[in-house]
Amino acid sequence: MYMFLFLVVALAVVVAAVTLAVVGGGESAPLPEAAPERYDDPLPPDRPVGRADVEALRFPLAVRGYRMADVDDALGRLGAEIAERDSRIADLEAALAGSRGHGVPMDKPADGEQR
């Protein structure tokens, strides 16, 4: 009985000593607060977004993943640029189809034109 009690007390002392060694005695200065990571928009503001820009896009981590507002902003911008490009492609395809419909083949020069 006394041997069991001695082992329990010895184990408690060892656990307490290890805990104090790992955590410290509380005498050290507390760690400074870490500044939260903020999202600096890496998408270029002065030109259309390219494939390399999207591949390089990285979001800072938050407590539960990524900040939804940062991701929503980036996806909204990418969606708007894709919609703009789709519209431009549709306009160019319509213009191309219109020019072909006027009897000017695209592979042959018109009368009097040289290549």
PDB file of N, CA and C in Angstrom:
ATOM      1  N   MET A   1       0.812  -1.184   0.000  1.00  0.00           N
ATOM      2  CA  MET A   1       0.000   0.000   0.000  1.00  0.00           C
ATOM      3  C   MET A   1       0.862   1.257   0.000  1.00  0.00           C
ATOM      4  N   TYR A   2       1.872   1.289   0.886  1.00  0.00           N
ATOM      5  CA  TYR A   2       2.734   2.470   0.942  1.00  0.00           C
ATOM      6  C   TYR A   2       3.570   2.600  -0.323  1.00  0.00           C
ATOM      7  N   MET A   3       3.927   1.489  -0.900  1.00  0.00           N
ATOM      8  CA  MET A   3       4.719   1.521  -2.136  1.00  0.00           C
ATOM      9  C   MET A   3       3.912   2.141  -3.271  1.00  0.00           C
ATOM     10  N   PHE A   4       2.617   1.793  -3.364  1.00  0.00           N
ATOM     11  CA  PHE A   4       1.744   2.366  -4.393  1.00  0.00           C
ATOM     12  C   PHE A   4       1.598   3.868  -4.189  1.00  0.00           C
ATOM     13  N   LEU A   5       1.394   4.308  -2.963  1.00  0.00           N
ATOM     14  CA  LEU A   5       1.268   5.729  -2.655  1.00  0.00           C
ATOM     15  C   LEU A   5       2.561   6.463  -2.999  1.00  0.00           C
ATOM     16  N   PHE A   6       3.704   5.866  -2.700  1.00  0.00           N
ATOM     17  CA  PHE A   6       4.992   6.478  -3.022  1.00  0.00           C
ATOM     18  C   PHE A   6       5.151   6.626  -4.543  1.00  0.00           C
ATOM     19  N   LEU A   7       4.761   5.615  -5.305  1.00  0.00           N
ATOM     20  CA  LEU A   7       4.865   5.687  -6.767  1.00  0.00           C
ATOM     21  C   LEU A   7       3.955   6.774  -7.350  1.00  0.00           C
ATOM     22  N   VAL A   8       2.761   6.923  -6.819  1.00  0.00           N
ATOM     23  CA  VAL A   8       1.833   7.957  -7.295  1.00  0.00           C
ATOM     24  C   VAL A   8       2.399   9.346  -7.017  1.00  0.00           C
ATOM     25  N   VAL A   9       2.926   9.570  -5.832  1.00  0.00           N
ATOM     26  CA  VAL A   9       3.515  10.865  -5.478  1.00  0.00           C
ATOM     27  C   VAL A   9       4.750  11.131  -6.340  1.00  0.00           C
ATOM     28  N   ALA A  10       5.592  10.130  -6.536  1.00  0.00           N
ATOM     29  CA  ALA A  10       6.789  10.302  -7.371  1.00  0.00           C
ATOM     30  C   ALA A  10       6.393  10.626  -8.807  1.00  0.00           C
ATOM     31  N   LEU A  11       5.379   9.971  -9.331  1.00  0.00           N
ATOM     32  CA  LEU A  11       4.906  10.249 -10.683  1.00  0.00           C
ATOM     33  C   LEU A  11       4.364  11.675 -10.794  1.00  0.00           C
ATOM     34  N   ALA A  12       3.631  12.117  -9.785  1.00  0.00           N
ATOM     35  CA  ALA A  12       3.098  13.484  -9.785  1.00  0.00           C
ATOM     36  C   ALA A  12       4.235  14.511  -9.771  1.00  0.00           C
ATOM     37  N   VAL A  13       5.276  14.250  -9.003  1.00  0.00           N
ATOM     38  CA  VAL A  13       6.421  15.162  -8.953  1.00  0.00           C
ATOM     39  C   VAL A  13       7.130  15.209 -10.300  1.00  0.00           C
ATOM     40  N   VAL A  14       7.300  14.071 -10.943  1.00  0.00           N
ATOM     41  CA  VAL A  14       7.956  14.015 -12.257  1.00  0.00           C
ATOM     42  C   VAL A  14       7.116  14.767 -13.290  1.00  0.00           C
ATOM     43  N   VAL A  15       5.815  14.546 -13.283  1.00  0.00           N
ATOM     44  CA  VAL A  15       4.942  15.237 -14.239  1.00  0.00           C
ATOM     45  C   VAL A  15       4.992  16.742 -14.009  1.00  0.00           C
ATOM     46  N   ALA A  16       4.956  17.183 -12.781  1.00  0.00           N
ATOM     47  CA  ALA A  16       5.027  18.608 -12.460  1.00  0.00           C
ATOM     48  C   ALA A  16       6.366  19.198 -12.903  1.00  0.00           C
ATOM     49  N   ALA A  17       7.453  18.484 -12.677  1.00  0.00           N
ATOM     50  CA  ALA A  17       8.774  18.980 -13.067  1.00  0.00           C
ATOM     51  C   ALA A  17       8.882  19.101 -14.582  1.00  0.00           C
ATOM     52  N   VAL A  18       8.385  18.113 -15.309  1.00  0.00           N
ATOM     53  CA  VAL A  18       8.426  18.161 -16.772  1.00  0.00           C
ATOM     54  C   VAL A  18       7.544  19.306 -17.284  1.00  0.00           C
ATOM     55  N   THR A  19       6.378  19.474 -16.688  1.00  0.00           N
ATOM     56  CA  THR A  19       5.479  20.552 -17.104  1.00  0.00           C
ATOM     57  C   THR A  19       6.124  21.907 -16.882  1.00  0.00           C
ATOM     58  N   LEU A  20       6.746  22.128 -15.755  1.00  0.00           N
ATOM     59  CA  LEU A  20       7.424  23.397 -15.489  1.00  0.00           C
ATOM     60  C   LEU A  20       8.603  23.614 -16.435  1.00  0.00           C
ATOM     61  N   ALA A  21       9.293  22.549 -16.767  1.00  0.00           N
ATOM     62  CA  ALA A  21      10.427  22.681 -17.678  1.00  0.00           C
ATOM     63  C   ALA A  21       9.962  23.053 -19.078  1.00  0.00           C
ATOM     64  N   VAL A  22       8.845  22.490 -19.513  1.00  0.00           N
ATOM     65  CA  VAL A  22       8.340  22.769 -20.859  1.00  0.00           C
ATOM     66  C   VAL A  22       7.677  24.137 -20.915  1.00  0.00           C
ATOM     67  N   VAL A  23       6.787  24.422 -19.983  1.00  0.00           N
ATOM     68  CA  VAL A  23       6.022  25.659 -19.992  1.00  0.00           C
ATOM     69  C   VAL A  23       6.853  26.814 -19.455  1.00  0.00           C
ATOM     70  N   GLY A  24       7.677  26.569 -18.503  1.00  0.00           N
ATOM     71  CA  GLY A  24       8.463  27.627 -17.882  1.00  0.00           C
ATOM     72  C   GLY A  24       7.818  28.042 -16.580  1.00  0.00           C
ATOM     73  N   GLY A  25       8.564  28.771 -15.816  1.00  0.00           N
ATOM     74  CA  GLY A  25       8.088  29.179 -14.503  1.00  0.00           C
ATOM     75  C   GLY A  25       7.218  30.412 -14.532  1.00  0.00           C
ATOM     76  N   GLY A  26       6.959  30.978 -15.693  1.00  0.00           N
ATOM     77  CA  GLY A  26       6.144  32.174 -15.781  1.00  0.00           C
ATOM     78  C   GLY A  26       6.952  33.441 -15.593  1.00  0.00           C
ATOM     79  N   GLU A  27       8.262  33.340 -15.483  1.00  0.00           N
ATOM     80  CA  GLU A  27       9.102  34.503 -15.254  1.00  0.00           C
ATOM     81  C   GLU A  27       9.479  35.211 -16.550  1.00  0.00           C
ATOM     82  N   SER A  28       9.360  34.532 -17.692  1.00  0.00           N
ATOM     83  CA  SER A  28       9.751  35.150 -18.960  1.00  0.00           C
ATOM     84  C   SER A  28       8.652  36.090 -19.435  1.00  0.00           C
ATOM     85  N   ALA A  29       9.044  37.021 -20.299  1.00  0.00           N
ATOM     86  CA  ALA A  29       8.091  37.982 -20.845  1.00  0.00           C
ATOM     87  C   ALA A  29       7.132  37.263 -21.783  1.00  0.00           C
ATOM     88  N   PRO A  30       5.880  37.692 -21.801  1.00  0.00           N
ATOM     89  CA  PRO A  30       4.933  37.041 -22.715  1.00  0.00           C
ATOM     90  C   PRO A  30       5.281  37.357 -24.166  1.00  0.00           C
ATOM     91  N   LEU A  31       4.890  36.449 -25.035  1.00  0.00           N
ATOM     92  CA  LEU A  31       5.142  36.652 -26.452  1.00  0.00           C
ATOM     93  C   LEU A  31       4.284  37.805 -26.980  1.00  0.00           C
ATOM     94  N   PRO A  32       4.826  38.600 -27.869  1.00  0.00           N
ATOM     95  CA  PRO A  32       4.006  39.686 -28.421  1.00  0.00           C
ATOM     96  C   PRO A  32       2.906  39.119 -29.313  1.00  0.00           C
ATOM     97  N   GLU A  33       1.821  39.863 -29.417  1.00  0.00           N
ATOM     98  CA  GLU A  33       0.720  39.447 -30.277  1.00  0.00           C
ATOM     99  C   GLU A  33       1.186  39.447 -31.733  1.00  0.00           C
ATOM    100  N   ALA A  34       0.846  38.412 -32.438  1.00  0.00           N
ATOM    101  CA  ALA A  34       1.202  38.328 -33.854  1.00  0.00           C
ATOM    102  C   ALA A  34       0.228  39.188 -34.647  1.00  0.00           C
ATOM    103  N   ALA A  35       0.770  39.945 -35.563  1.00  0.00           N
ATOM    104  CA  ALA A  35      -0.085  40.759 -36.419  1.00  0.00           C
ATOM    105  C   ALA A  35      -0.842  39.841 -37.368  1.00  0.00           C
ATOM    106  N   PRO A  36      -2.136  40.055 -37.529  1.00  0.00           N
ATOM    107  CA  PRO A  36      -2.882  39.182 -38.439  1.00  0.00           C
ATOM    108  C   PRO A  36      -2.418  39.382 -39.869  1.00  0.00           C
ATOM    109  N   GLU A  37      -2.367  38.272 -40.592  1.00  0.00           N
ATOM    110  CA  GLU A  37      -1.995  38.370 -41.999  1.00  0.00           C
ATOM    111  C   GLU A  37      -3.115  39.064 -42.746  1.00  0.00           C
ATOM    112  N   ARG A  38      -2.756  39.989 -43.579  1.00  0.00           N
ATOM    113  CA  ARG A  38      -3.744  40.681 -44.389  1.00  0.00           C
ATOM    114  C   ARG A  38      -3.498  40.342 -45.839  1.00  0.00           C
ATOM    115  N   TYR A  39      -4.548  40.342 -46.581  1.00  0.00           N
ATOM    116  CA  TYR A  39      -4.502  39.991 -47.988  1.00  0.00           C
ATOM    117  C   TYR A  39      -4.123  41.212 -48.804  1.00  0.00           C
ATOM    118  N   ASP A  40      -2.967  41.188 -49.411  1.00  0.00           N
ATOM    119  CA  ASP A  40      -2.572  42.225 -50.356  1.00  0.00           C
ATOM    120  C   ASP A  40      -2.895  41.686 -51.732  1.00  0.00           C
ATOM    121  N   ASP A  41      -3.826  42.323 -52.402  1.00  0.00           N
ATOM    122  CA  ASP A  41      -4.321  41.835 -53.688  1.00  0.00           C
ATOM    123  C   ASP A  41      -3.166  41.693 -54.672  1.00  0.00           C
ATOM    124  N   PRO A  42      -2.753  40.450 -54.980  1.00  0.00           N
ATOM    125  CA  PRO A  42      -1.650  40.263 -55.916  1.00  0.00           C
ATOM    126  C   PRO A  42      -2.091  40.327 -57.374  1.00  0.00           C
ATOM    127  N   LEU A  43      -3.395  40.448 -57.607  1.00  0.00           N
ATOM    128  CA  LEU A  43      -3.866  40.537 -58.981  1.00  0.00           C
ATOM    129  C   LEU A  43      -3.542  41.925 -59.515  1.00  0.00           C
ATOM    130  N   PRO A  44      -3.015  42.012 -60.733  1.00  0.00           N
ATOM    131  CA  PRO A  44      -2.582  43.299 -61.255  1.00  0.00           C
ATOM    132  C   PRO A  44      -3.752  44.250 -61.485  1.00  0.00           C
ATOM    133  N   PRO A  45      -3.666  45.466 -60.955  1.00  0.00           N
ATOM    134  CA  PRO A  45      -4.766  46.418 -61.134  1.00  0.00           C
ATOM    135  C   PRO A  45      -4.736  47.129 -62.483  1.00  0.00           C
ATOM    136  N   ASP A  46      -3.587  47.119 -63.143  1.00  0.00           N
ATOM    137  CA  ASP A  46      -3.410  47.935 -64.347  1.00  0.00           C
ATOM    138  C   ASP A  46      -3.450  47.136 -65.650  1.00  0.00           C
ATOM    139  N   ARG A  47      -3.697  45.830 -65.558  1.00  0.00           N
ATOM    140  CA  ARG A  47      -3.750  45.006 -66.766  1.00  0.00           C
ATOM    141  C   ARG A  47      -4.641  43.807 -66.494  1.00  0.00           C
ATOM    142  N   PRO A  48      -5.091  43.124 -67.557  1.00  0.00           N
ATOM    143  CA  PRO A  48      -5.918  41.933 -67.340  1.00  0.00           C
ATOM    144  C   PRO A  48      -5.152  40.838 -66.601  1.00  0.00           C
ATOM    145  N   VAL A  49      -5.886  40.058 -65.870  1.00  0.00           N
ATOM    146  CA  VAL A  49      -5.297  38.956 -65.111  1.00  0.00           C
ATOM    147  C   VAL A  49      -4.909  37.847 -66.075  1.00  0.00           C
ATOM    148  N   GLY A  50      -3.698  37.324 -65.919  1.00  0.00           N
ATOM    149  CA  GLY A  50      -3.220  36.233 -66.758  1.00  0.00           C
ATOM    150  C   GLY A  50      -3.136  34.934 -65.991  1.00  0.00           C
ATOM    151  N   ARG A  51      -2.817  33.890 -66.712  1.00  0.00           N
ATOM    152  CA  ARG A  51      -2.726  32.560 -66.099  1.00  0.00           C
ATOM    153  C   ARG A  51      -1.684  32.534 -64.986  1.00  0.00           C
ATOM    154  N   ALA A  52      -0.550  33.162 -65.208  1.00  0.00           N
ATOM    155  CA  ALA A  52       0.509  33.169 -64.192  1.00  0.00           C
ATOM    156  C   ALA A  52       0.047  33.887 -62.925  1.00  0.00           C
ATOM    157  N   ASP A  53      -0.774  34.937 -63.079  1.00  0.00           N
ATOM    158  CA  ASP A  53      -1.301  35.649 -61.912  1.00  0.00           C
ATOM    159  C   ASP A  53      -2.194  34.735 -61.079  1.00  0.00           C
ATOM    160  N   VAL A  54      -3.029  33.958 -61.746  1.00  0.00           N
ATOM    161  CA  VAL A  54      -3.930  33.044 -61.035  1.00  0.00           C
ATOM    162  C   VAL A  54      -3.127  31.931 -60.368  1.00  0.00           C
ATOM    163  N   GLU A  55      -2.127  31.408 -61.046  1.00  0.00           N
ATOM    164  CA  GLU A  55      -1.308  30.340 -60.465  1.00  0.00           C
ATOM    165  C   GLU A  55      -0.509  30.829 -59.262  1.00  0.00           C
ATOM    166  N   ALA A  56      -0.137  32.110 -59.256  1.00  0.00           N
ATOM    167  CA  ALA A  56       0.649  32.663 -58.151  1.00  0.00           C
ATOM    168  C   ALA A  56      -0.231  33.138 -56.996  1.00  0.00           C
ATOM    169  N   LEU A  57      -1.530  33.120 -57.164  1.00  0.00           N
ATOM    170  CA  LEU A  57      -2.461  33.617 -56.153  1.00  0.00           C
ATOM    171  C   LEU A  57      -2.430  32.725 -54.919  1.00  0.00           C
ATOM    172  N   ARG A  58      -2.091  33.291 -53.772  1.00  0.00           N
ATOM    173  CA  ARG A  58      -2.069  32.573 -52.499  1.00  0.00           C
ATOM    174  C   ARG A  58      -2.758  33.442 -51.462  1.00  0.00           C
ATOM    175  N   PHE A  59      -3.577  32.811 -50.636  1.00  0.00           N
ATOM    176  CA  PHE A  59      -4.293  33.523 -49.602  1.00  0.00           C
ATOM    177  C   PHE A  59      -3.659  33.232 -48.254  1.00  0.00           C
ATOM    178  N   PRO A  60      -3.628  34.221 -47.353  1.00  0.00           N
ATOM    179  CA  PRO A  60      -3.103  33.951 -46.011  1.00  0.00           C
ATOM    180  C   PRO A  60      -4.070  33.057 -45.240  1.00  0.00           C
ATOM    181  N   LEU A  61      -3.519  32.228 -44.404  1.00  0.00           N
ATOM    182  CA  LEU A  61      -4.339  31.315 -43.613  1.00  0.00           C
ATOM    183  C   LEU A  61      -4.970  32.053 -42.448  1.00  0.00           C
ATOM    184  N   ALA A  62      -6.175  31.691 -42.137  1.00  0.00           N
ATOM    185  CA  ALA A  62      -6.886  32.203 -40.972  1.00  0.00           C
ATOM    186  C   ALA A  62      -7.111  31.034 -40.023  1.00  0.00           C
ATOM    187  N   VAL A  63      -7.818  31.286 -38.943  1.00  0.00           N
ATOM    188  CA  VAL A  63      -8.012  30.259 -37.930  1.00  0.00           C
ATOM    189  C   VAL A  63      -8.680  29.018 -38.515  1.00  0.00           C
ATOM    190  N   ARG A  64      -9.689  29.214 -39.346  1.00  0.00           N
ATOM    191  CA  ARG A  64     -10.422  28.071 -39.887  1.00  0.00           C
ATOM    192  C   ARG A  64     -10.247  27.953 -41.390  1.00  0.00           C
ATOM    193  N   GLY A  65      -9.091  28.265 -41.906  1.00  0.00           N
ATOM    194  CA  GLY A  65      -8.844  28.131 -43.344  1.00  0.00           C
ATOM    195  C   GLY A  65      -8.419  29.457 -43.937  1.00  0.00           C
ATOM    196  N   TYR A  66      -9.249  30.006 -44.819  1.00  0.00           N
ATOM    197  CA  TYR A  66      -8.966  31.273 -45.472  1.00  0.00           C
ATOM    198  C   TYR A  66     -10.060  32.265 -45.115  1.00  0.00           C
ATOM    199  N   ARG A  67      -9.735  33.540 -45.206  1.00  0.00           N
ATOM    200  CA  ARG A  67     -10.756  34.563 -44.976  1.00  0.00           C
ATOM    201  C   ARG A  67     -11.697  34.576 -46.174  1.00  0.00           C
ATOM    202  N   MET A  68     -12.975  34.370 -45.904  1.00  0.00           N
ATOM    203  CA  MET A  68     -13.940  34.271 -46.994  1.00  0.00           C
ATOM    204  C   MET A  68     -14.010  35.565 -47.798  1.00  0.00           C
ATOM    205  N   ALA A  69     -13.866  36.696 -47.162  1.00  0.00           N
ATOM    206  CA  ALA A  69     -13.954  37.967 -47.887  1.00  0.00           C
ATOM    207  C   ALA A  69     -12.821  38.098 -48.895  1.00  0.00           C
ATOM    208  N   ASP A  70     -11.614  37.662 -48.523  1.00  0.00           N
ATOM    209  CA  ASP A  70     -10.475  37.724 -49.449  1.00  0.00           C
ATOM    210  C   ASP A  70     -10.717  36.834 -50.662  1.00  0.00           C
ATOM    211  N   VAL A  71     -11.175  35.624 -50.406  1.00  0.00           N
ATOM    212  CA  VAL A  71     -11.422  34.674 -51.496  1.00  0.00           C
ATOM    213  C   VAL A  71     -12.573  35.169 -52.369  1.00  0.00           C
ATOM    214  N   ASP A  72     -13.638  35.673 -51.741  1.00  0.00           N
ATOM    215  CA  ASP A  72     -14.776  36.184 -52.508  1.00  0.00           C
ATOM    216  C   ASP A  72     -14.370  37.354 -53.399  1.00  0.00           C
ATOM    217  N   ASP A  73     -13.527  38.252 -52.878  1.00  0.00           N
ATOM    218  CA  ASP A  73     -13.065  39.386 -53.688  1.00  0.00           C
ATOM    219  C   ASP A  73     -12.285  38.920 -54.908  1.00  0.00           C
ATOM    220  N   ALA A  74     -11.368  37.992 -54.686  1.00  0.00           N
ATOM    221  CA  ALA A  74     -10.548  37.504 -55.800  1.00  0.00           C
ATOM    222  C   ALA A  74     -11.405  36.756 -56.820  1.00  0.00           C
ATOM    223  N   LEU A  75     -12.322  35.918 -56.353  1.00  0.00           N
ATOM    224  CA  LEU A  75     -13.174  35.183 -57.278  1.00  0.00           C
ATOM    225  C   LEU A  75     -14.126  36.121 -58.023  1.00  0.00           C
ATOM    226  N   GLY A  76     -14.602  37.152 -57.355  1.00  0.00           N
ATOM    227  CA  GLY A  76     -15.454  38.132 -58.023  1.00  0.00           C
ATOM    228  C   GLY A  76     -14.715  38.859 -59.132  1.00  0.00           C
ATOM    229  N   ARG A  77     -13.476  39.235 -58.853  1.00  0.00           N
ATOM    230  CA  ARG A  77     -12.679  39.922 -59.874  1.00  0.00           C
ATOM    231  C   ARG A  77     -12.392  39.002 -61.048  1.00  0.00           C
ATOM    232  N   LEU A  78     -12.009  37.760 -60.761  1.00  0.00           N
ATOM    233  CA  LEU A  78     -11.739  36.804 -61.837  1.00  0.00           C
ATOM    234  C   LEU A  78     -13.003  36.531 -62.649  1.00  0.00           C
ATOM    235  N   GLY A  79     -14.135  36.403 -61.981  1.00  0.00           N
ATOM    236  CA  GLY A  79     -15.390  36.172 -62.685  1.00  0.00           C
ATOM    237  C   GLY A  79     -15.755  37.330 -63.598  1.00  0.00           C
ATOM    238  N   ALA A  80     -15.547  38.559 -63.126  1.00  0.00           N
ATOM    239  CA  ALA A  80     -15.853  39.730 -63.954  1.00  0.00           C
ATOM    240  C   ALA A  80     -14.939  39.791 -65.171  1.00  0.00           C
ATOM    241  N   GLU A  81     -13.661  39.484 -64.994  1.00  0.00           N
ATOM    242  CA  GLU A  81     -12.736  39.515 -66.132  1.00  0.00           C
ATOM    243  C   GLU A  81     -13.048  38.402 -67.135  1.00  0.00           C
ATOM    244  N   ILE A  82     -13.430  37.241 -66.652  1.00  0.00           N
ATOM    245  CA  ILE A  82     -13.794  36.152 -67.564  1.00  0.00           C
ATOM    246  C   ILE A  82     -15.054  36.518 -68.341  1.00  0.00           C
ATOM    247  N   ALA A  83     -16.040  37.120 -67.668  1.00  0.00           N
ATOM    248  CA  ALA A  83     -17.270  37.540 -68.354  1.00  0.00           C
ATOM    249  C   ALA A  83     -16.962  38.600 -69.411  1.00  0.00           C
ATOM    250  N   GLU A  84     -16.053  39.522 -69.082  1.00  0.00           N
ATOM    251  CA  GLU A  84     -15.663  40.555 -70.051  1.00  0.00           C
ATOM    252  C   GLU A  84     -14.971  39.930 -71.265  1.00  0.00           C
ATOM    253  N   ARG A  85     -14.101  38.977 -71.010  1.00  0.00           N
ATOM    254  CA  ARG A  85     -13.410  38.305 -72.120  1.00  0.00           C
ATOM    255  C   ARG A  85     -14.385  37.494 -72.967  1.00  0.00           C
ATOM    256  N   ASP A  86     -15.328  36.811 -72.317  1.00  0.00           N
ATOM    257  CA  ASP A  86     -16.335  36.053 -73.066  1.00  0.00           C
ATOM    258  C   ASP A  86     -17.157  36.973 -73.960  1.00  0.00           C
ATOM    259  N   SER A  87     -17.509  38.132 -73.443  1.00  0.00           N
ATOM    260  CA  SER A  87     -18.275  39.099 -74.226  1.00  0.00           C
ATOM    261  C   SER A  87     -17.460  39.599 -75.418  1.00  0.00           C
ATOM    262  N   ARG A  88     -16.199  39.878 -75.168  1.00  0.00           N
ATOM    263  CA  ARG A  88     -15.317  40.354 -76.254  1.00  0.00           C
ATOM    264  C   ARG A  88     -15.143  39.266 -77.316  1.00  0.00           C
ATOM    265  N   ILE A  89     -14.973  38.032 -76.897  1.00  0.00           N
ATOM    266  CA  ILE A  89     -14.844  36.916 -77.852  1.00  0.00           C
ATOM    267  C   ILE A  89     -16.113  36.786 -78.673  1.00  0.00           C
ATOM    268  N   ALA A  90     -17.278  36.881 -78.025  1.00  0.00           N
ATOM    269  CA  ALA A  90     -18.549  36.780 -78.750  1.00  0.00           C
ATOM    270  C   ALA A  90     -18.678  37.915 -79.767  1.00  0.00           C
ATOM    271  N   ASP A  91     -18.286  39.133 -79.391  1.00  0.00           N
ATOM    272  CA  ASP A  91     -18.327  40.271 -80.322  1.00  0.00           C
ATOM    273  C   ASP A  91     -17.416  40.032 -81.519  1.00  0.00           C
ATOM    274  N   LEU A  92     -16.215  39.546 -81.257  1.00  0.00           N
ATOM    275  CA  LEU A  92     -15.270  39.302 -82.353  1.00  0.00           C
ATOM    276  C   LEU A  92     -15.758  38.174 -83.253  1.00  0.00           C
ATOM    277  N   GLU A  93     -16.336  37.129 -82.674  1.00  0.00           N
ATOM    278  CA  GLU A  93     -16.872  36.038 -83.494  1.00  0.00           C
ATOM    279  C   GLU A  93     -18.042  36.524 -84.344  1.00  0.00           C
ATOM    280  N   ALA A  94     -18.880  37.397 -83.784  1.00  0.00           N
ATOM    281  CA  ALA A  94     -19.999  37.950 -84.548  1.00  0.00           C
ATOM    282  C   ALA A  94     -19.480  38.832 -85.680  1.00  0.00           C
ATOM    283  N   ALA A  95     -18.459  39.632 -85.406  1.00  0.00           N
ATOM    284  CA  ALA A  95     -17.878  40.480 -86.448  1.00  0.00           C
ATOM    285  C   ALA A  95     -17.243  39.626 -87.539  1.00  0.00           C
ATOM    286  N   LEU A  96     -16.590  38.559 -87.172  1.00  0.00           N
ATOM    287  CA  LEU A  96     -15.978  37.658 -88.135  1.00  0.00           C
ATOM    288  C   LEU A  96     -17.049  36.987 -88.993  1.00  0.00           C
ATOM    289  N   ALA A  97     -18.107  36.517 -88.347  1.00  0.00           N
ATOM    290  CA  ALA A  97     -19.196  35.884 -89.101  1.00  0.00           C
ATOM    291  C   ALA A  97     -19.858  36.908 -90.028  1.00  0.00           C
ATOM    292  N   GLY A  98     -19.989  38.157 -89.599  1.00  0.00           N
ATOM    293  CA  GLY A  98     -20.572  39.208 -90.430  1.00  0.00           C
ATOM    294  C   GLY A  98     -19.711  39.525 -91.635  1.00  0.00           C
ATOM    295  N   SER A  99     -18.403  39.540 -91.442  1.00  0.00           N
ATOM    296  CA  SER A  99     -17.522  39.843 -92.570  1.00  0.00           C
ATOM    297  C   SER A  99     -17.502  38.686 -93.566  1.00  0.00           C
ATOM    298  N   ARG A 100     -17.651  37.493 -93.089  1.00  0.00           N
ATOM    299  CA  ARG A 100     -17.713  36.336 -93.999  1.00  0.00           C
ATOM    300  C   ARG A 100     -19.048  36.325 -94.750  1.00  0.00           C
ATOM    301  N   GLY A 101     -20.081  36.850 -94.128  1.00  0.00           N
ATOM    302  CA  GLY A 101     -21.388  36.892 -94.747  1.00  0.00           C
ATOM    303  C   GLY A 101     -21.511  37.935 -95.842  1.00  0.00           C
ATOM    304  N   HIS A 102     -20.580  38.862 -95.911  1.00  0.00           N
ATOM    305  CA  HIS A 102     -20.623  39.908 -96.928  1.00  0.00           C
ATOM    306  C   HIS A 102     -19.907  39.502 -98.198  1.00  0.00           C
ATOM    307  N   GLY A 103     -19.543  38.270 -98.328  1.00  0.00           N
ATOM    308  CA  GLY A 103     -18.950  37.770 -99.558  1.00  0.00           C
ATOM    309  C   GLY A 103     -17.459  37.990 -99.667  1.00  0.00           C
ATOM    310  N   VAL A 104     -16.810  38.418 -98.614  1.00  0.00           N
ATOM    311  CA  VAL A 104     -15.359  38.593 -98.655  1.00  0.00           C
ATOM    312  C   VAL A 104     -14.747  37.414 -97.917  1.00  0.00           C
ATOM    313  N   PRO A 105     -14.221  36.434 -98.651  1.00  0.00           N
ATOM    314  CA  PRO A 105     -13.603  35.301 -97.967  1.00  0.00           C
ATOM    315  C   PRO A 105     -12.366  35.751 -97.198  1.00  0.00           C
ATOM    316  N   MET A 106     -12.160  35.186 -96.055  1.00  0.00           N
ATOM    317  CA  MET A 106     -11.047  35.575 -95.204  1.00  0.00           C
ATOM    318  C   MET A 106      -9.710  35.052 -95.723  1.00  0.00           C
ATOM    319  N   ASP A 107      -9.718  34.000 -96.518  1.00  0.00           N
ATOM    320  CA  ASP A 107      -8.450  33.434 -96.973  1.00  0.00           C
ATOM    321  C   ASP A 107      -8.015  34.001 -98.317  1.00  0.00           C
ATOM    322  N   LYS A 108      -8.873  34.742 -99.026  1.00  0.00           N
ATOM    323  CA  LYS A 108      -8.505  35.337-100.306  1.00  0.00           C
ATOM    324  C   LYS A 108      -8.569  36.846-100.200  1.00  0.00           C
ATOM    325  N   PRO A 109      -7.636  37.572-100.814  1.00  0.00           N
ATOM    326  CA  PRO A 109      -7.710  39.027-100.784  1.00  0.00           C
ATOM    327  C   PRO A 109      -8.855  39.519-101.657  1.00  0.00           C
ATOM    328  N   ALA A 110      -9.437  40.642-101.300  1.00  0.00           N
ATOM    329  CA  ALA A 110     -10.492  41.241-102.085  1.00  0.00           C
ATOM    330  C   ALA A 110      -9.923  41.779-103.394  1.00  0.00           C
ATOM    331  N   ASP A 111     -10.800  42.129-104.351  1.00  0.00           N
ATOM    332  CA  ASP A 111     -10.342  42.632-105.659  1.00  0.00           C
ATOM    333  C   ASP A 111      -9.459  43.851-105.461  1.00  0.00           C
ATOM    334  N   GLY A 112      -8.301  43.831-106.091  1.00  0.00           N
ATOM    335  CA  GLY A 112      -7.363  44.959-106.035  1.00  0.00           C
ATOM    336  C   GLY A 112      -6.443  44.935-104.826  1.00  0.00           C
ATOM    337  N   GLU A 113      -6.672  44.056-103.864  1.00  0.00           N
ATOM    338  CA  GLU A 113      -5.797  43.992-102.690  1.00  0.00           C
ATOM    339  C   GLU A 113      -4.677  42.991-102.948  1.00  0.00           C
ATOM    340  N   GLN A 114      -3.577  43.280-102.338  1.00  0.00           N
ATOM    341  CA  GLN A 114      -2.434  42.354-102.416  1.00  0.00           C
ATOM    342  C   GLN A 114      -2.098  41.884-101.024  1.00  0.00           C
ATOM    343  N   ARG A 115      -1.546  40.710-100.996  1.00  0.00           N
ATOM    344  CA  ARG A 115      -1.113  40.197 -99.699  1.00  0.00           C
ATOM    345  C   ARG A 115       0.328  40.459 -99.464  1.00  0.00           C
TER     346      ARG A 115
END
